[in-house]
Amino acid sequence: MKRLFVIKTRFEAYLIIFALALGAMTRGANYTLEYPGIGGYLLFAATAGAVFLGGAKILDAIRYEQEAAKAKLDEAERG
């Protein structure tokens, strides 16, 4: 069960980011209908920006974890 909540690979990260983007764009589209004009489009842009920032952080975290695991393995091999 614990494995379901851990992102281990970049492929899994891309699936999560896609799901976040899909939800954010739906929310953004609703904002343009609820708040017509520039306000709705600014909120739409904010939802897209949140996905970009969150996705970049997820990918950076995976890279960091993979490098840390590799360094730990290398250190264990050296002794």
C-alpha atoms as a PDB file:
ATOM      1  CA  MET A   1       0.000   0.000   0.000  1.00  0.00           C
ATOM      2  CA  LYS A   2       2.847   2.378   0.847  1.00  0.00           C
ATOM      3  CA  ARG A   3       4.329   1.889  -2.657  1.00  0.00           C
ATOM      4  CA  LEU A   4       1.230   3.462  -4.209  1.00  0.00           C
ATOM      5  CA  PHE A   5       2.113   6.822  -2.672  1.00  0.00           C
ATOM      6  CA  VAL A   6       5.805   6.956  -3.645  1.00  0.00           C
ATOM      7  CA  ILE A   7       6.946   8.307  -7.005  1.00  0.00           C
ATOM      8  CA  LYS A   8      10.072   6.376  -7.993  1.00  0.00           C
ATOM      9  CA  THR A   9      10.558   6.947 -11.733  1.00  0.00           C
ATOM     10  CA  ARG A  10      10.335   9.855 -14.130  1.00  0.00           C
ATOM     11  CA  PHE A  11       7.537   8.043 -15.984  1.00  0.00           C
ATOM     12  CA  GLU A  12       5.426   7.969 -12.819  1.00  0.00           C
ATOM     13  CA  ALA A  13       6.208  11.647 -12.290  1.00  0.00           C
ATOM     14  CA  TYR A  14       5.049  12.503 -15.802  1.00  0.00           C
ATOM     15  CA  LEU A  15       1.774  10.639 -15.198  1.00  0.00           C
ATOM     16  CA  ILE A  16       1.193  12.589 -11.983  1.00  0.00           C
ATOM     17  CA  ILE A  17       2.057  15.891 -13.666  1.00  0.00           C
ATOM     18  CA  PHE A  18      -0.322  15.081 -16.536  1.00  0.00           C
ATOM     19  CA  ALA A  19      -3.140  14.422 -14.075  1.00  0.00           C
ATOM     20  CA  LEU A  20      -2.385  17.677 -12.244  1.00  0.00           C
ATOM     21  CA  ALA A  21      -2.330  19.589 -15.532  1.00  0.00           C
ATOM     22  CA  LEU A  22      -5.613  18.101 -16.669  1.00  0.00           C
ATOM     23  CA  GLY A  23      -7.325  19.139 -13.449  1.00  0.00           C
ATOM     24  CA  ALA A  24      -5.723  22.581 -13.455  1.00  0.00           C
ATOM     25  CA  MET A  25      -6.751  23.315 -17.025  1.00  0.00           C
ATOM     26  CA  THR A  26     -10.320  22.252 -16.273  1.00  0.00           C
ATOM     27  CA  ARG A  27     -10.311  24.544 -13.253  1.00  0.00           C
ATOM     28  CA  GLY A  28      -8.809  27.342 -15.371  1.00  0.00           C
ATOM     29  CA  ALA A  29     -11.479  26.936 -18.033  1.00  0.00           C
ATOM     30  CA  ASN A  30     -14.139  27.195 -15.342  1.00  0.00           C
ATOM     31  CA  TYR A  31     -12.489  30.368 -14.056  1.00  0.00           C
ATOM     32  CA  THR A  32     -12.805  31.986 -17.490  1.00  0.00           C
ATOM     33  CA  LEU A  33     -16.529  31.235 -17.447  1.00  0.00           C
ATOM     34  CA  GLU A  34     -17.101  32.299 -13.855  1.00  0.00           C
ATOM     35  CA  TYR A  35     -14.963  35.454 -14.066  1.00  0.00           C
ATOM     36  CA  PRO A  36     -15.266  36.846 -17.587  1.00  0.00           C
ATOM     37  CA  GLY A  37     -12.549  39.169 -18.792  1.00  0.00           C
ATOM     38  CA  ILE A  38      -8.971  39.632 -17.750  1.00  0.00           C
ATOM     39  CA  GLY A  39      -9.518  38.294 -14.207  1.00  0.00           C
ATOM     40  CA  GLY A  40     -10.576  34.881 -15.455  1.00  0.00           C
ATOM     41  CA  TYR A  41      -7.621  34.670 -17.826  1.00  0.00           C
ATOM     42  CA  LEU A  42      -5.211  35.646 -15.043  1.00  0.00           C
ATOM     43  CA  LEU A  43      -6.608  32.886 -12.843  1.00  0.00           C
ATOM     44  CA  PHE A  44      -6.307  30.477 -15.777  1.00  0.00           C
ATOM     45  CA  ALA A  45      -2.635  31.441 -16.151  1.00  0.00           C
ATOM     46  CA  ALA A  46      -2.112  31.001 -12.408  1.00  0.00           C
ATOM     47  CA  THR A  47      -3.432  27.430 -12.535  1.00  0.00           C
ATOM     48  CA  ALA A  48      -1.089  26.638 -15.443  1.00  0.00           C
ATOM     49  CA  GLY A  49       1.854  28.227 -13.650  1.00  0.00           C
ATOM     50  CA  ALA A  50       1.175  26.179 -10.529  1.00  0.00           C
ATOM     51  CA  VAL A  51       1.449  22.979 -12.567  1.00  0.00           C
ATOM     52  CA  PHE A  52       4.721  24.125 -14.152  1.00  0.00           C
ATOM     53  CA  LEU A  53       6.231  24.906 -10.747  1.00  0.00           C
ATOM     54  CA  GLY A  54       4.933  21.752  -9.112  1.00  0.00           C
ATOM     55  CA  GLY A  55       6.030  19.557 -12.015  1.00  0.00           C
ATOM     56  CA  ALA A  56       9.525  20.994 -11.995  1.00  0.00           C
ATOM     57  CA  LYS A  57       9.793  20.403  -8.247  1.00  0.00           C
ATOM     58  CA  ILE A  58       8.621  16.790  -8.598  1.00  0.00           C
ATOM     59  CA  LEU A  59      11.173  16.089 -11.350  1.00  0.00           C
ATOM     60  CA  ASP A  60      13.970  17.755  -9.370  1.00  0.00           C
ATOM     61  CA  ALA A  61      13.100  15.721  -6.283  1.00  0.00           C
ATOM     62  CA  ILE A  62      13.211  12.464  -8.240  1.00  0.00           C
ATOM     63  CA  ARG A  63      16.591  13.361  -9.710  1.00  0.00           C
ATOM     64  CA  TYR A  64      17.905  14.219  -6.243  1.00  0.00           C
ATOM     65  CA  GLU A  65      16.626  10.956  -4.741  1.00  0.00           C
ATOM     66  CA  GLN A  66      18.128   8.877  -7.556  1.00  0.00           C
ATOM     67  CA  GLU A  67      21.506  10.598  -7.205  1.00  0.00           C
ATOM     68  CA  ALA A  68      21.455  10.153  -3.419  1.00  0.00           C
ATOM     69  CA  ALA A  69      20.642   6.446  -3.771  1.00  0.00           C
ATOM     70  CA  LYS A  70      23.465   6.031  -6.294  1.00  0.00           C
ATOM     71  CA  ALA A  71      25.930   7.847  -4.017  1.00  0.00           C
ATOM     72  CA  LYS A  72      24.901   5.649  -1.092  1.00  0.00           C
ATOM     73  CA  LEU A  73      25.405   2.519  -3.206  1.00  0.00           C
ATOM     74  CA  ASP A  74      28.811   3.737  -4.397  1.00  0.00           C
ATOM     75  CA  GLU A  75      29.859   4.454  -0.818  1.00  0.00           C
ATOM     76  CA  ALA A  76      28.744   1.002   0.316  1.00  0.00           C
ATOM     77  CA  GLU A  77      30.767  -0.604  -2.495  1.00  0.00           C
ATOM     78  CA  ARG A  78      33.891   1.316  -1.509  1.00  0.00           C
ATOM     79  CA  GLY A  79      33.608   0.127   1.948  1.00  0.00           C
END
